[in-house]
N, C-alpha and C. Protein backbone atom coordinates (compact mmCIF):
# COMPACT_ATOMS: atom_id res chain seq x y z
N MET A 1 -28.37 19.50 -45.97
CA MET A 1 -29.41 19.49 -46.36
C MET A 1 -29.82 20.69 -46.11
N ARG A 2 -29.33 21.37 -45.36
CA ARG A 2 -29.65 22.99 -45.29
C ARG A 2 -29.04 23.93 -46.12
N ARG A 3 -27.70 23.73 -46.16
CA ARG A 3 -27.29 24.02 -47.66
C ARG A 3 -27.62 24.10 -48.45
N GLU A 4 -27.90 23.25 -49.02
CA GLU A 4 -28.13 22.40 -50.25
C GLU A 4 -29.69 23.26 -50.63
N THR A 5 -29.67 23.34 -49.57
CA THR A 5 -31.90 24.18 -49.94
C THR A 5 -31.54 25.28 -49.77
N ALA A 6 -30.45 26.22 -49.15
CA ALA A 6 -29.83 27.95 -49.16
C ALA A 6 -29.57 27.61 -50.22
N ASP A 7 -28.39 27.11 -50.95
CA ASP A 7 -27.71 26.98 -51.96
C ASP A 7 -28.74 27.45 -53.29
N LEU A 8 -30.37 26.29 -53.55
CA LEU A 8 -31.02 26.06 -53.97
C LEU A 8 -31.82 27.96 -54.48
N ILE A 9 -32.13 28.26 -53.35
CA ILE A 9 -32.82 29.37 -52.69
C ILE A 9 -32.14 30.46 -53.45
N LEU A 10 -30.82 30.73 -52.68
CA LEU A 10 -29.73 31.54 -53.63
C LEU A 10 -29.66 31.31 -54.97
N SER A 11 -29.49 30.40 -55.34
CA SER A 11 -28.86 30.42 -56.71
C SER A 11 -30.65 30.66 -57.93
N GLY A 12 -31.35 30.95 -57.22
CA GLY A 12 -32.62 30.74 -58.56
C GLY A 12 -32.31 32.54 -59.49
N ASP A 13 -33.37 32.61 -60.46
CA ASP A 13 -33.23 33.12 -61.14
C ASP A 13 -33.65 34.92 -60.99
N ASN A 14 -32.42 35.81 -60.34
CA ASN A 14 -32.46 36.84 -60.21
C ASN A 14 -33.45 37.47 -60.57
N LEU A 15 -34.06 37.08 -62.12
CA LEU A 15 -35.10 37.88 -62.48
C LEU A 15 -36.62 37.89 -61.94
N ASN A 16 -36.34 36.36 -61.62
CA ASN A 16 -37.86 35.87 -61.56
C ASN A 16 -38.19 35.50 -59.57
N TYR A 17 -36.82 36.18 -58.98
CA TYR A 17 -36.66 35.56 -57.67
C TYR A 17 -38.58 36.75 -56.91
N ARG A 18 -38.61 37.24 -57.66
CA ARG A 18 -39.73 38.39 -57.18
C ARG A 18 -41.68 37.29 -56.99
N ARG A 19 -41.10 36.80 -58.28
CA ARG A 19 -42.45 36.24 -58.78
C ARG A 19 -42.41 34.53 -57.65
N TRP A 20 -41.13 33.89 -57.82
CA TRP A 20 -41.57 33.07 -57.11
C TRP A 20 -41.72 33.32 -55.50
N LEU A 21 -41.15 34.03 -55.68
CA LEU A 21 -40.05 34.19 -53.23
C LEU A 21 -42.23 34.54 -53.08
N ALA A 22 -42.53 35.34 -53.88
CA ALA A 22 -44.09 36.09 -53.80
C ALA A 22 -44.56 34.66 -53.45
N GLN A 23 -44.83 34.16 -54.84
CA GLN A 23 -45.53 33.43 -54.87
C GLN A 23 -45.69 32.05 -53.49
N GLU A 24 -44.14 31.66 -52.93
CA GLU A 24 -44.20 31.01 -51.91
C GLU A 24 -44.90 31.38 -50.50
N VAL A 25 -44.09 32.61 -50.85
CA VAL A 25 -44.41 33.72 -49.24
C VAL A 25 -46.21 33.72 -48.86
N GLY A 26 -47.01 33.87 -50.56
CA GLY A 26 -48.12 33.85 -50.20
C GLY A 26 -49.03 32.79 -49.75
N ASP A 27 -47.96 31.44 -50.59
CA ASP A 27 -48.44 30.28 -50.10
C ASP A 27 -48.94 30.23 -48.11
N LEU A 28 -47.27 30.87 -47.65
CA LEU A 28 -47.11 30.42 -46.40
C LEU A 28 -47.60 31.16 -45.68
N ALA A 29 -48.45 32.20 -45.65
CA ALA A 29 -48.20 33.57 -45.61
C ALA A 29 -49.71 32.69 -44.11
N SER A 30 -50.35 32.04 -44.12
CA SER A 30 -51.98 32.17 -43.36
C SER A 30 -51.24 31.26 -42.42
N LYS A 31 -50.56 30.37 -42.42
CA LYS A 31 -49.61 29.41 -41.73
C LYS A 31 -48.35 29.33 -40.46
N ILE A 32 -47.55 30.58 -41.69
CA ILE A 32 -46.35 31.72 -40.39
C ILE A 32 -46.75 32.81 -40.03
N SER A 33 -47.02 33.34 -39.11
CA SER A 33 -47.35 34.57 -38.79
C SER A 33 -46.29 35.36 -39.27
N ASN A 34 -46.40 36.92 -39.60
CA ASN A 34 -45.78 37.92 -40.27
C ASN A 34 -45.09 37.60 -41.45
N LEU A 35 -45.12 36.09 -41.83
CA LEU A 35 -44.09 35.78 -43.44
C LEU A 35 -44.94 36.65 -44.04
N ASP A 36 -45.99 37.81 -44.12
CA ASP A 36 -46.12 38.38 -45.07
C ASP A 36 -46.43 39.72 -45.25
N ALA A 37 -45.52 40.41 -43.87
CA ALA A 37 -44.65 41.56 -43.61
C ALA A 37 -44.15 42.88 -43.53
N PHE A 38 -43.14 41.81 -44.64
CA PHE A 38 -42.05 42.19 -44.88
C PHE A 38 -41.54 41.22 -46.49
N SER A 39 -40.56 42.14 -46.93
CA SER A 39 -40.16 41.94 -49.09
C SER A 39 -40.38 40.30 -49.20
N PRO A 40 -40.48 39.55 -50.15
CA PRO A 40 -40.32 38.09 -50.24
C PRO A 40 -38.49 38.21 -50.71
N MET A 41 -38.31 39.03 -50.80
CA MET A 41 -36.94 39.43 -51.11
C MET A 41 -35.53 38.65 -49.71
N ALA A 42 -36.41 39.00 -48.69
CA ALA A 42 -36.28 39.24 -47.56
C ALA A 42 -35.41 37.56 -46.78
N ILE A 43 -36.14 36.78 -48.14
CA ILE A 43 -36.10 35.20 -48.16
C ILE A 43 -34.67 35.58 -48.15
N LEU A 44 -34.07 35.77 -49.50
CA LEU A 44 -32.92 35.65 -48.93
C LEU A 44 -31.71 35.55 -48.29
N PRO A 45 -32.08 36.94 -47.87
CA PRO A 45 -30.57 36.78 -46.45
C PRO A 45 -31.50 35.66 -45.31
N LEU A 46 -32.27 35.13 -44.65
CA LEU A 46 -33.04 34.39 -44.14
C LEU A 46 -32.35 33.09 -44.63
N ALA A 47 -32.38 32.56 -46.16
CA ALA A 47 -31.87 31.04 -46.09
C ALA A 47 -30.16 31.31 -46.08
N LYS A 48 -30.11 32.39 -45.94
CA LYS A 48 -27.84 32.29 -46.14
C LYS A 48 -27.96 31.70 -45.04
N ILE A 49 -28.80 32.84 -44.02
CA ILE A 49 -28.39 32.63 -42.45
C ILE A 49 -28.91 31.12 -41.91
N ALA A 50 -29.67 30.47 -42.25
CA ALA A 50 -29.97 29.63 -42.39
C ALA A 50 -29.52 27.94 -42.38
N GLY A 51 -28.86 28.25 -43.77
CA GLY A 51 -28.41 27.19 -44.52
C GLY A 51 -26.87 27.55 -43.61
N TYR A 52 -26.49 28.31 -43.96
CA TYR A 52 -24.99 28.59 -43.50
C TYR A 52 -24.49 29.24 -41.44
N GLY A 53 -25.50 29.45 -40.69
CA GLY A 53 -25.78 30.10 -39.87
C GLY A 53 -24.96 31.62 -39.69
N ASP A 54 -24.28 31.96 -38.70
CA ASP A 54 -24.07 33.14 -38.02
C ASP A 54 -23.89 33.83 -39.61
N ALA A 55 -24.04 34.76 -39.80
CA ALA A 55 -22.93 35.62 -40.87
C ALA A 55 -23.02 37.28 -40.84
N ASN A 56 -22.42 38.01 -41.26
CA ASN A 56 -22.42 39.64 -40.77
C ASN A 56 -23.05 39.71 -42.27
N ALA A 57 -23.37 41.14 -41.93
CA ALA A 57 -23.53 42.14 -43.37
C ALA A 57 -23.26 41.80 -44.54
N SER A 58 -21.64 42.00 -44.70
CA SER A 58 -21.35 42.18 -45.69
C SER A 58 -21.38 40.74 -46.26
N ARG A 59 -21.11 40.06 -45.49
CA ARG A 59 -20.97 38.30 -46.31
C ARG A 59 -22.41 38.59 -46.65
N LEU A 60 -23.13 38.94 -46.60
CA LEU A 60 -24.65 38.28 -46.68
C LEU A 60 -24.99 39.40 -48.00
N ALA A 61 -24.43 40.74 -48.23
CA ALA A 61 -24.44 41.19 -49.01
C ALA A 61 -24.15 41.12 -50.42
N VAL A 62 -23.13 40.07 -50.41
CA VAL A 62 -22.43 39.69 -51.53
C VAL A 62 -23.50 37.94 -52.19
N ALA A 63 -24.25 37.29 -50.78
CA ALA A 63 -24.12 36.17 -51.28
C ALA A 63 -25.39 36.25 -51.56
N CYS A 64 -25.95 37.08 -51.68
CA CYS A 64 -27.90 37.72 -52.14
C CYS A 64 -27.71 38.44 -52.81
N ASP A 65 -26.54 39.00 -53.46
CA ASP A 65 -26.88 40.37 -54.67
C ASP A 65 -27.21 41.53 -54.29
N MET A 66 -27.24 41.40 -53.26
CA MET A 66 -27.61 43.11 -52.36
C MET A 66 -26.74 43.98 -52.24
N GLU A 67 -27.39 44.96 -52.16
CA GLU A 67 -26.92 46.09 -52.21
C GLU A 67 -26.44 46.24 -50.67
N LEU A 68 -25.32 47.04 -50.24
CA LEU A 68 -25.91 46.82 -48.20
C LEU A 68 -27.32 47.29 -47.64
N SER A 69 -27.21 48.84 -47.70
CA SER A 69 -28.61 49.53 -47.99
C SER A 69 -29.70 48.00 -48.12
N GLU A 70 -30.25 48.02 -49.25
CA GLU A 70 -31.10 46.96 -49.60
C GLU A 70 -31.45 45.39 -48.13
N LEU A 71 -29.64 45.25 -47.99
CA LEU A 71 -30.09 44.36 -47.19
C LEU A 71 -30.33 44.44 -45.90
N GLN A 72 -30.14 45.81 -45.65
CA GLN A 72 -30.20 46.13 -43.97
C GLN A 72 -31.30 46.29 -44.67
N THR A 73 -31.97 46.57 -45.30
CA THR A 73 -33.66 47.36 -44.81
C THR A 73 -34.45 45.38 -44.47
N HIS A 74 -34.02 44.59 -45.23
CA HIS A 74 -33.97 42.70 -45.43
C HIS A 74 -34.54 42.84 -43.83
N LEU A 75 -33.08 42.93 -43.58
CA LEU A 75 -32.52 41.93 -42.20
C LEU A 75 -33.31 42.72 -41.13
N ASP A 76 -33.29 44.01 -40.54
CA ASP A 76 -34.15 45.13 -39.81
C ASP A 76 -35.56 44.03 -39.82
N ALA A 77 -36.22 44.17 -40.96
CA ALA A 77 -37.74 43.29 -41.04
C ALA A 77 -37.65 42.14 -40.45
N LEU A 78 -36.78 40.89 -40.82
CA LEU A 78 -36.28 40.02 -40.39
C LEU A 78 -36.39 39.75 -39.20
N ARG A 79 -35.13 40.84 -38.54
CA ARG A 79 -35.05 41.17 -36.96
C ARG A 79 -36.44 41.31 -35.97
N GLU A 80 -37.53 42.71 -36.50
CA GLU A 80 -38.26 43.33 -36.21
C GLU A 80 -39.31 42.20 -36.25
N PHE A 81 -39.50 41.19 -37.08
CA PHE A 81 -40.57 40.19 -36.89
C PHE A 81 -40.10 38.59 -36.45
N GLY A 82 -39.31 39.20 -35.75
CA GLY A 82 -38.93 37.64 -35.00
C GLY A 82 -37.97 36.55 -36.13
N PHE A 83 -38.07 36.74 -36.60
CA PHE A 83 -36.98 35.61 -38.35
C PHE A 83 -35.94 35.88 -37.97
N ILE A 84 -34.48 36.63 -37.29
CA ILE A 84 -33.14 36.55 -37.25
C ILE A 84 -32.81 37.29 -35.92
N GLU A 85 -32.39 36.86 -35.15
CA GLU A 85 -31.45 37.81 -34.29
C GLU A 85 -29.99 38.17 -34.53
N ASP A 86 -29.84 39.60 -33.70
CA ASP A 86 -28.42 39.46 -34.08
C ASP A 86 -27.79 39.04 -32.86
N THR A 87 -26.21 38.76 -33.57
CA THR A 87 -25.80 38.13 -32.36
C THR A 87 -24.06 39.27 -31.90
N SER A 88 -23.15 38.21 -31.07
CA SER A 88 -21.93 39.08 -31.32
C SER A 88 -21.25 39.71 -32.56
N SER A 89 -21.57 38.40 -33.57
CA SER A 89 -20.50 38.14 -35.10
C SER A 89 -21.56 39.17 -35.86
N GLY A 90 -23.00 38.92 -36.16
CA GLY A 90 -23.68 38.86 -37.36
C GLY A 90 -25.29 38.97 -36.79
N PHE A 91 -25.94 38.11 -37.35
CA PHE A 91 -27.43 37.90 -37.50
C PHE A 91 -27.47 35.38 -37.21
N ASP A 92 -28.35 35.87 -36.41
CA ASP A 92 -28.81 34.16 -36.51
C ASP A 92 -30.07 34.04 -36.53
N ILE A 93 -30.43 32.42 -36.98
CA ILE A 93 -31.85 32.62 -37.18
C ILE A 93 -32.80 31.91 -35.44
N THR A 94 -33.64 32.30 -36.33
CA THR A 94 -34.52 31.86 -34.41
C THR A 94 -35.12 30.97 -34.75
N PRO A 95 -35.89 30.50 -33.97
CA PRO A 95 -37.09 29.38 -34.17
C PRO A 95 -38.00 29.75 -35.36
N LEU A 96 -38.96 30.94 -34.83
CA LEU A 96 -39.33 30.87 -36.54
C LEU A 96 -38.95 30.61 -37.78
N GLY A 97 -37.57 31.44 -37.92
CA GLY A 97 -37.08 31.82 -38.87
C GLY A 97 -36.79 30.16 -39.84
N GLU A 98 -36.64 29.73 -38.38
CA GLU A 98 -36.01 28.01 -38.81
C GLU A 98 -37.66 27.67 -39.14
N ARG A 99 -38.38 27.73 -38.45
CA ARG A 99 -39.74 27.03 -39.41
C ARG A 99 -40.13 27.77 -40.80
N ALA A 100 -40.15 29.24 -40.76
CA ALA A 100 -40.10 29.52 -42.13
C ALA A 100 -39.15 29.23 -43.48
N PHE A 101 -38.28 29.11 -43.48
CA PHE A 101 -37.07 28.40 -43.70
C PHE A 101 -37.01 27.15 -44.56
N LEU A 102 -37.74 26.31 -43.69
CA LEU A 102 -38.07 24.93 -43.44
C LEU A 102 -39.95 24.48 -44.61
N ALA A 103 -40.36 25.37 -44.71
CA ALA A 103 -41.71 25.46 -45.69
C ALA A 103 -41.26 26.06 -46.82
N ILE A 104 -40.47 27.37 -46.76
CA ILE A 104 -40.12 27.58 -48.00
C ILE A 104 -39.52 26.59 -48.60
N SER A 105 -38.06 26.27 -47.99
CA SER A 105 -37.65 25.63 -48.85
C SER A 105 -37.59 24.06 -49.20
N ARG A 106 -39.59 23.26 -48.67
CA ARG A 106 -39.72 22.04 -49.31
C ARG A 106 -40.68 22.86 -50.49
N ASN A 107 -41.65 24.09 -50.53
CA ASN A 107 -42.31 24.47 -51.34
C ASN A 107 -41.06 24.67 -52.74
N ILE A 108 -40.08 25.16 -52.32
CA ILE A 108 -39.37 25.51 -53.78
C ILE A 108 -38.79 24.24 -53.93
N VAL A 109 -38.57 23.31 -53.52
CA VAL A 109 -37.86 22.08 -54.14
C VAL A 109 -38.75 21.11 -54.80
N VAL A 110 -40.28 21.41 -53.91
CA VAL A 110 -41.24 21.12 -55.08
C VAL A 110 -41.35 22.01 -56.15
N ARG A 111 -41.27 22.78 -56.32
CA ARG A 111 -41.37 23.76 -57.31
C ARG A 111 -40.61 23.49 -58.40
N GLU A 112 -39.42 23.35 -57.43
CA GLU A 112 -38.16 23.19 -58.55
C GLU A 112 -38.52 21.66 -59.23
N ARG A 113 -38.74 20.69 -58.80
CA ARG A 113 -38.99 19.47 -59.74
C ARG A 113 -40.26 19.21 -60.02
N TYR A 114 -41.35 20.00 -60.01
CA TYR A 114 -42.45 20.59 -61.30
C TYR A 114 -41.55 21.00 -62.87
N GLU A 115 -40.77 22.11 -62.91
CA GLU A 115 -40.49 22.69 -63.31
C GLU A 115 -39.38 21.95 -64.02
N LEU A 116 -38.18 20.88 -63.41
CA LEU A 116 -36.98 20.41 -64.30
C LEU A 116 -37.65 19.02 -64.63
N LYS A 117 -39.21 19.43 -64.09
CA LYS A 117 -39.66 17.46 -65.21
C LYS A 117 -40.46 17.81 -66.77
N GLY A 118 -40.82 19.42 -66.62
CA GLY A 118 -41.29 19.82 -67.60
C GLY A 118 -40.57 20.34 -68.83
N ARG A 119 -39.39 20.64 -68.24
CA ARG A 119 -38.17 20.97 -68.89
C ARG A 119 -37.86 19.92 -69.55
N LEU A 120 -37.92 19.18 -69.20
CA LEU A 120 -37.17 17.57 -69.41
C LEU A 120 -37.60 16.61 -70.28
N GLU A 121 -39.27 16.94 -70.25
CA GLU A 121 -40.46 16.00 -71.34
C GLU A 121 -39.87 16.71 -72.56
N LYS A 122 -39.76 18.68 -72.38
CA LYS A 122 -39.51 19.14 -73.67
C LYS A 122 -38.45 18.43 -74.38
N ILE A 123 -37.52 19.15 -73.37
CA ILE A 123 -36.02 18.26 -74.01
C ILE A 123 -36.25 16.73 -74.38
N ASN A 124 -37.24 15.66 -73.32
CA ASN A 124 -37.30 14.44 -74.20
C ASN A 124 -37.80 14.50 -76.12
N ARG A 125 -38.49 15.12 -76.30
CA ARG A 125 -39.35 15.38 -77.03
C ARG A 125 -38.98 15.84 -78.34
N LEU A 126 -38.00 16.64 -78.07
CA LEU A 126 -37.12 17.70 -78.88
C LEU A 126 -36.02 16.23 -79.12
N TYR A 127 -35.41 15.77 -78.44
CA TYR A 127 -34.70 14.82 -78.96
C TYR A 127 -35.37 13.07 -79.62
N GLU A 128 -35.89 13.52 -79.59
CA GLU A 128 -36.97 12.16 -80.26
C GLU A 128 -37.13 12.70 -82.14
N LYS A 129 -37.87 13.93 -81.88
CA LYS A 129 -37.85 14.89 -83.42
C LYS A 129 -36.26 14.87 -84.29
N MET A 130 -35.53 14.80 -83.26
CA MET A 130 -33.85 14.83 -83.61
C MET A 130 -33.66 13.85 -84.04
N LYS A 131 -34.25 12.68 -83.03
CA LYS A 131 -32.94 11.11 -83.96
C LYS A 131 -34.01 10.97 -85.14
N ASN A 132 -35.72 11.68 -85.49
CA ASN A 132 -35.93 10.75 -87.17
C ASN A 132 -35.48 11.22 -88.20
N LEU A 133 -34.60 12.58 -88.16
CA LEU A 133 -34.43 13.55 -88.57
C LEU A 133 -32.66 12.84 -89.20
N VAL A 134 -31.78 12.30 -89.07
CA VAL A 134 -31.10 12.11 -89.26
C VAL A 134 -30.75 10.66 -89.77
């Protein structure tokens, strides 16, 4: 489940990352301390670390489609606020990071279900109209 959820978060439309990650972080900020203290884009490397375990910066940059300098800014913030920690081979998630990942994951799955349901309803209406044309 962890990998699938991380993949879902990482596969989002890059143009909309800022919008929906900001909304999810904003919704959860009152429940998870310091979640709103850094860019919502930091959730991408957090998700990758949570879903796949210990990771180094170069692999994270590729997985998150970020420049190494941008990624480093996010990693510094995640580390500063206690969401990740340094390991001998890179970074790992902390209990606070785990809590944040699970809460954000739940919200993202709910959001995806809602959006897919709406899209399916539109496609079904279109399908019904097209059936009557032939």
